[in-house]
Structures are given as structure tokens and as C-alpha cells.
Amino acid sequence: MIIDIHSHAWEYPQHFDDDFRDQAKRARAGVEVDLTVRYEDYQQSASDVTCTVVFGGKARLSGLWVDDRYVADYVAAHPDKLIGFLSLDPTQDGWEKEMHEGHKELGLKGIKLLSMYAGFRPDDERLDPLWKYASEHSLPVLLHTGTTFVAQAPLECTLPRHLDRVAIRFPDVKIIMAHLSHPYEPECIVTIRKHPNVYADVSGLHYRPYQFYNSLILVQEYGVWDKLLFASDYPFTTIDASIEGLRNLNDQLQGTALPRLQMKEIEALIHRDSLGILGLTHDV
């Protein structure tokens, strides 16, 4: 069993404005990458995946906007394999209405937030209705945490410490910090250690293997392997590449006395029952 809790559903370039695309191209040495998502393509590079959590994204500041109905339709085509999350940009009018509609009318089972991309702090008390709703309806909340190439997206809004305040006030909400909050991994790790319902995913990290190794060594030393959830970040990378990257991390240590990552924990991470942890179910 492999559960991917971080995969995207959008059309490229339709769901991105020109500024976002230009900045993405600049970040890749002038090369524009086709981020088109098709489930068939995902499936071909996702061996043995049981279920995948998908979402679009809403961040007017950064030029990304995927309507929740698009995600719901994407999920409806493969209900036995996909679980959809709604997305919110609380800086925009009508976000509470979108939250209710995405959950009640479209049947989406969690919330995705792009705090930095949209320019808000998740611990802002004006978002208390969001966290209260998530708590009352058992909706997991997954947030992008970590770096970006988008110049206008404030790094201050992405710091893991802000989720510490949220978890203190709303301890029953299952919170997932994406990407282990790189490059703020130590702050992420002490936060997931502190709160029973706060987790991190490991999506999109294997292309920096030495940084990833160091982050997981810290996870190992703090004893919080069980707080990590497996994820891909498709289409930026794939399930198969993510698994290979995890399994090969110790290879770079040959000829050194550096401590090894525990392979039994790596395998447990890859095969973790994230749906059970997050209280999610999918159609079968």
C-alpha cells in the first residue's frame, strides 16, 4: 500500500498567469516546464499507489487559481483512486462561501492552503472560522511550507512556527506541513514533535539529496519518523522517482563515517497508512 498525500490537479498554462510562468521559467534557467497534469501520466509513474490526495491551489497574489469544481471533476473520473481537497485564498472575498461549497456541495475532504503564495499568515485570528470549521468537520489542512521562486510571496508567511500557534488553539485539526518546510526543516521537526495532530510530508525533496539526508537524520534523532507522510508533489516529480530517491539516500555516504538513515523507517514511511492517520476514506 502506497498513499500519496500531495499531488496536483490543474491545466497548464490556463490556471497560471503570465507573471507566474515567467518567474517559473527564470527559476529554471530560462526553460519553461510543461506542468500539465493528466491522471494517466501520473499513474504510469506511480507503481503500486493505492490512493492519491489531489488539490489545485488558490493564490491571487502569485497568479495561481484553480476552481474547486475542476478538482472535484478530476476526482470524479477516478473516485476509487483519488481524494480531493478544496483550496482557499483567505485574502479574497467569498472564501468562507467557497469553503462551505467545496466541502458540502463538491464533497472535497480536506483543505489546501498556500499561505506564502497568497500572502497571509495561517495563525492570523481572522482565519479562526477556517480552523474552527476544519475542526468541527474533521477536515485535514495541508499547507505549503518552505521556499518558493515567486518574488512577491513573503517568506514570513511560510514559517512552521506559525502552525505552532494554530495547533495550540485548534489541537484537534490534522495539520500537514508540506515539503518538510525546507529549508526550515528543524523548525518543522520540533513543531511536529510537539503536537500530536501535526505532521509533515516529504514531497519534492529528493532532488537535493544531501539536504534531504540531513533533514531525515534530524527526524531520526528527534524520534519523529512516525510524523512523516509520504507524498510526491506531482507533476514536479513522480512517485517512482520519490521512492527511489528515499531508498538511495544512504548511498551518498559511502566512504564516510556519517550516520546512516534507518532503512526500516524509510520503508515504513513509504508504506504509511496516511489515510488512517488523517481520518480520510475514499470510494472503492
Protein backbone atom coordinates (compact mmCIF):
# COMPACT_ATOMS: atom_id res chain seq x y z
CA MET A 1 0.00 0.00 0.00
CA ILE A 2 1.31 3.42 -1.00
CA ILE A 3 -0.60 6.62 -0.27
CA ASP A 4 0.41 9.88 -1.96
CA ILE A 5 -0.98 12.77 0.04
CA HIS A 6 0.38 15.61 -2.12
CA SER A 7 -0.41 15.72 -5.84
CA HIS A 8 -1.80 18.47 -8.03
CA ALA A 9 -4.73 18.80 -10.42
CA TRP A 10 -4.69 21.71 -12.88
CA GLU A 11 -4.36 22.69 -16.51
CA TYR A 12 -1.21 24.34 -17.74
CA PRO A 13 -0.91 27.13 -18.62
CA GLN A 14 -4.60 28.02 -18.19
CA HIS A 15 -4.58 28.09 -14.38
CA PHE A 16 -1.44 30.28 -14.12
CA ASP A 17 -0.95 33.91 -15.06
CA ASP A 18 1.92 35.17 -17.22
CA ASP A 19 3.92 36.52 -14.27
CA PHE A 20 3.94 33.16 -12.51
CA ARG A 21 5.03 31.42 -15.69
CA ASP A 22 7.78 33.98 -16.33
CA GLN A 23 9.15 33.60 -12.81
CA ALA A 24 9.00 29.80 -13.01
CA LYS A 25 10.93 29.97 -16.27
CA ARG A 26 13.55 32.27 -14.72
CA ALA A 27 13.98 29.82 -11.81
CA ARG A 28 14.74 27.06 -14.30
CA ALA A 29 17.46 28.87 -16.23
CA GLY A 30 15.07 30.13 -18.90
CA VAL A 31 13.39 26.80 -19.58
CA GLU A 32 9.61 26.58 -19.32
CA VAL A 33 8.48 23.24 -17.94
CA ASP A 34 5.16 21.79 -19.01
CA LEU A 35 3.22 21.23 -15.78
CA THR A 36 0.23 19.63 -17.45
CA VAL A 37 -1.48 17.07 -15.21
CA ARG A 38 -3.16 14.00 -16.68
CA TYR A 39 -4.10 11.13 -14.41
CA GLU A 40 -2.92 8.58 -16.97
CA ASP A 41 0.57 10.13 -16.97
CA TYR A 42 0.62 10.19 -13.18
CA GLN A 43 -0.42 6.55 -12.98
CA GLN A 44 2.34 5.40 -15.35
CA SER A 45 4.98 6.75 -12.96
CA ALA A 46 3.23 5.70 -9.76
CA SER A 47 3.83 2.00 -9.19
CA ASP A 48 1.63 0.37 -6.54
CA VAL A 49 -0.14 3.55 -5.48
CA THR A 50 -3.35 2.78 -3.60
CA CYS A 51 -4.78 6.30 -3.29
CA THR A 52 -3.75 9.88 -4.02
CA VAL A 53 -4.79 13.18 -2.44
CA VAL A 54 -5.10 15.91 -5.08
CA PHE A 55 -5.74 19.63 -4.99
CA GLY A 56 -5.41 22.68 -7.20
CA GLY A 57 -4.47 25.90 -5.46
CA LYS A 58 -5.64 29.47 -4.95
CA ALA A 59 -3.23 32.37 -4.54
CA ARG A 60 -4.23 35.57 -6.32
CA LEU A 61 -1.01 37.32 -5.24
CA SER A 62 1.14 34.79 -7.09
CA GLY A 63 -1.08 34.21 -10.11
CA LEU A 64 -2.41 30.70 -9.45
CA TRP A 65 -6.13 29.91 -9.35
CA VAL A 66 -7.79 26.52 -9.78
CA ASP A 67 -11.52 26.37 -9.15
CA ASP A 68 -12.53 23.62 -6.74
CA ARG A 69 -15.05 22.26 -9.22
CA TYR A 70 -12.17 21.43 -11.56
CA VAL A 71 -10.60 19.33 -8.80
CA ALA A 72 -13.93 17.68 -7.97
CA ASP A 73 -14.41 16.71 -11.62
CA TYR A 74 -10.86 15.34 -11.80
CA VAL A 75 -11.54 13.20 -8.72
CA ALA A 76 -14.92 12.06 -10.04
CA ALA A 77 -13.23 10.45 -13.03
CA HIS A 78 -11.23 8.13 -10.71
CA PRO A 79 -13.11 8.02 -7.38
CA ASP A 80 -11.53 4.71 -6.38
CA LYS A 81 -8.03 6.22 -6.60
CA LEU A 82 -8.36 9.91 -5.74
CA ILE A 83 -9.37 12.08 -2.78
CA GLY A 84 -9.85 15.80 -3.43
CA PHE A 85 -9.03 18.75 -1.19
CA LEU A 86 -10.54 22.20 -1.68
CA SER A 87 -8.29 25.26 -1.82
CA LEU A 88 -8.75 28.66 -0.20
CA ASP A 89 -7.22 32.11 -0.52
CA PRO A 90 -8.45 33.95 2.60
CA THR A 91 -7.21 37.29 1.24
CA GLN A 92 -10.04 37.19 -1.31
CA ASP A 93 -13.70 37.95 -0.69
CA GLY A 94 -16.00 34.97 -0.54
CA TRP A 95 -13.51 32.42 0.78
CA GLU A 96 -15.84 31.19 3.53
CA LYS A 97 -18.59 30.56 0.97
CA GLU A 98 -16.06 28.64 -1.18
CA MET A 99 -15.07 26.58 1.85
CA HIS A 100 -18.66 25.52 2.54
CA GLU A 101 -19.38 24.82 -1.12
CA GLY A 102 -16.19 22.85 -1.65
CA HIS A 103 -16.92 20.66 1.34
CA LYS A 104 -20.72 20.34 1.33
CA GLU A 105 -21.57 20.55 -2.38
CA LEU A 106 -18.46 19.19 -4.07
CA GLY A 107 -17.61 16.58 -1.46
CA LEU A 108 -13.96 17.57 -1.06
CA LYS A 109 -12.45 16.11 2.08
CA GLY A 110 -9.69 18.45 3.18
CA ILE A 111 -8.27 21.95 2.74
CA LYS A 112 -5.10 23.10 0.93
CA LEU A 113 -3.60 26.49 1.82
CA LEU A 114 -0.85 28.40 0.03
CA SER A 115 -0.08 30.88 2.80
CA MET A 116 3.10 32.34 1.35
CA TYR A 117 1.85 32.37 -2.23
CA ALA A 118 -1.34 34.18 -1.22
CA GLY A 119 0.35 36.46 1.33
CA PHE A 120 -1.28 35.58 4.66
CA ARG A 121 -0.18 34.03 7.93
CA PRO A 122 -2.09 30.89 8.88
CA ASP A 123 -2.19 31.95 12.54
CA ASP A 124 -3.97 35.23 11.73
CA GLU A 125 -7.01 35.30 14.01
CA ARG A 126 -9.17 36.37 11.06
CA LEU A 127 -8.76 32.78 9.87
CA ASP A 128 -10.27 31.32 13.04
CA PRO A 129 -13.52 30.46 11.18
CA LEU A 130 -11.44 28.29 8.82
CA TRP A 131 -9.71 26.40 11.61
CA LYS A 132 -12.94 26.08 13.57
CA TYR A 133 -14.74 24.67 10.52
CA ALA A 134 -11.90 22.22 9.86
CA SER A 135 -12.04 21.10 13.49
CA GLU A 136 -15.82 20.67 13.56
CA HIS A 137 -15.91 18.71 10.28
CA SER A 138 -12.67 16.72 10.70
CA LEU A 139 -11.08 18.22 7.58
CA PRO A 140 -7.28 17.83 7.40
CA VAL A 141 -5.46 21.00 6.40
CA LEU A 142 -2.33 20.74 4.25
CA LEU A 143 -0.22 23.87 3.84
CA HIS A 144 2.68 24.71 1.59
CA THR A 145 5.56 25.48 3.91
CA GLY A 146 9.07 26.27 2.75
CA THR A 147 10.67 28.19 -0.05
CA THR A 148 9.48 29.44 -3.45
CA PHE A 149 10.74 31.16 -6.59
CA VAL A 150 7.87 33.70 -6.62
CA ALA A 151 9.34 37.09 -5.71
CA GLN A 152 6.20 38.67 -4.26
CA ALA A 153 5.41 35.69 -1.99
CA PRO A 154 6.59 36.64 1.55
CA LEU A 155 8.76 34.04 3.27
CA GLU A 156 7.47 35.28 6.63
CA CYS A 157 4.12 33.66 5.85
CA THR A 158 5.58 30.18 5.35
CA LEU A 159 7.42 29.62 8.62
CA PRO A 160 6.47 26.45 10.54
CA ARG A 161 6.37 28.34 13.85
CA HIS A 162 3.03 29.87 12.82
CA LEU A 163 1.44 26.41 12.83
CA ASP A 164 2.55 26.00 16.44
CA ARG A 165 0.15 28.80 17.39
CA VAL A 166 -2.63 27.28 15.31
CA ALA A 167 -2.17 23.83 16.87
CA ILE A 168 -2.26 25.28 20.38
CA ARG A 169 -5.61 26.94 19.66
CA PHE A 170 -7.09 24.16 17.48
CA PRO A 171 -5.48 20.94 18.73
CA ASP A 172 -7.97 18.60 17.03
CA VAL A 173 -7.22 19.69 13.45
CA LYS A 174 -4.95 17.35 11.50
CA ILE A 175 -2.31 19.69 10.02
CA ILE A 176 0.25 18.67 7.39
CA MET A 177 3.23 20.88 6.59
CA ALA A 178 4.30 20.19 3.02
CA HIS A 179 7.90 19.60 1.90
CA LEU A 180 9.17 19.25 5.48
CA SER A 181 9.17 23.06 5.28
CA HIS A 182 12.54 23.12 3.52
CA PRO A 183 14.82 24.98 4.18
CA TYR A 184 13.22 25.40 7.62
CA GLU A 185 13.27 21.69 8.44
CA PRO A 186 14.49 21.97 12.06
CA GLU A 187 11.62 24.32 12.91
CA CYS A 188 9.19 21.95 11.21
CA ILE A 189 10.55 18.91 13.05
CA VAL A 190 10.28 20.43 16.52
CA THR A 191 6.73 21.52 15.72
CA ILE A 192 5.53 18.07 14.58
CA ARG A 193 7.24 16.57 17.63
CA LYS A 194 5.35 18.94 19.93
CA HIS A 195 1.80 18.46 18.62
CA PRO A 196 0.06 15.06 18.29
CA ASN A 197 -2.02 16.13 15.26
CA VAL A 198 0.68 17.99 13.30
CA TYR A 199 2.56 16.14 10.55
CA ALA A 200 4.89 16.87 7.64
CA ASP A 201 5.03 15.41 4.16
CA VAL A 202 8.23 14.67 2.25
CA SER A 203 7.09 15.78 -1.18
CA GLY A 204 9.51 17.28 -3.67
CA LEU A 205 12.69 16.85 -1.63
CA HIS A 206 14.73 14.10 -3.27
CA TYR A 207 16.40 16.37 -5.84
CA ARG A 208 18.53 17.82 -3.04
CA PRO A 209 19.73 14.52 -1.57
CA TYR A 210 22.28 15.83 0.91
CA GLN A 211 19.87 18.39 2.35
CA PHE A 212 17.19 15.68 2.45
CA TYR A 213 19.55 13.29 4.21
CA ASN A 214 20.43 15.87 6.87
CA SER A 215 16.76 16.64 7.44
CA LEU A 216 15.90 12.98 7.94
CA ILE A 217 18.85 12.49 10.28
CA LEU A 218 17.31 15.21 12.43
CA VAL A 219 13.95 13.41 12.17
CA GLN A 220 15.74 10.25 13.31
CA GLU A 221 17.48 11.95 16.22
CA TYR A 222 14.22 13.51 17.44
CA GLY A 223 12.40 10.19 17.05
CA VAL A 224 9.58 11.50 14.87
CA TRP A 225 9.68 9.19 11.86
CA ASP A 226 6.03 8.37 12.54
CA LYS A 227 5.07 12.02 11.95
CA LEU A 228 6.22 11.96 8.30
CA LEU A 229 3.77 11.21 5.49
CA PHE A 230 4.75 10.03 2.03
CA ALA A 231 3.96 12.30 -0.93
CA SER A 232 5.18 13.14 -4.42
CA ASP A 233 4.36 16.76 -5.41
CA TYR A 234 3.38 15.56 -8.91
CA PRO A 235 3.86 16.92 -11.61
CA PHE A 236 7.07 18.43 -10.24
CA THR A 237 8.28 14.89 -9.65
CA THR A 238 6.81 11.39 -9.61
CA ILE A 239 6.02 8.63 -7.13
CA ASP A 240 8.65 6.27 -8.53
CA ALA A 241 11.36 8.95 -8.51
CA SER A 242 10.44 9.93 -4.94
CA ILE A 243 10.66 6.34 -3.70
CA GLU A 244 13.97 5.75 -5.47
CA GLY A 245 15.34 8.98 -4.02
CA LEU A 246 14.40 7.94 -0.48
CA ARG A 247 15.86 4.45 -0.83
CA ASN A 248 19.15 5.79 -2.25
CA LEU A 249 19.88 8.48 0.34
CA ASN A 250 22.43 6.38 2.22
CA ASP A 251 24.36 5.66 -0.99
CA GLN A 252 25.98 9.09 -0.90
CA LEU A 253 27.61 8.22 2.45
CA GLN A 254 29.92 5.52 1.12
CA GLY A 255 33.44 6.01 2.40
CA THR A 256 32.32 8.26 5.26
CA ALA A 257 31.62 7.77 8.96
CA LEU A 258 28.35 9.71 8.74
CA PRO A 259 25.35 8.07 10.43
CA ARG A 260 23.02 6.04 8.24
CA LEU A 261 19.29 6.54 7.95
CA GLN A 262 17.34 3.53 9.23
CA MET A 263 16.04 1.74 6.16
CA LYS A 264 13.20 0.12 8.09
CA GLU A 265 11.94 3.63 8.86
CA ILE A 266 12.31 4.67 5.22
CA GLU A 267 10.18 1.70 4.16
CA ALA A 268 7.64 2.38 6.89
CA LEU A 269 7.37 5.97 5.63
CA ILE A 270 6.83 4.86 2.03
CA HIS A 271 4.06 2.45 3.07
CA ARG A 272 2.46 4.53 5.85
CA ASP A 273 -1.33 4.49 6.14
CA SER A 274 -1.73 8.26 5.85
CA LEU A 275 -5.47 7.93 5.17
CA GLY A 276 -5.98 6.26 8.53
CA ILE A 277 -3.84 8.86 10.28
CA LEU A 278 -5.78 11.75 8.71
CA GLY A 279 -9.20 10.14 9.08
CA LEU A 280 -9.79 10.04 5.32
CA THR A 281 -11.76 7.50 3.32
CA HIS A 282 -12.09 7.01 -0.42
CA ASP A 283 -14.64 5.32 -2.66
CA VAL A 284 -13.92 1.72 -3.59
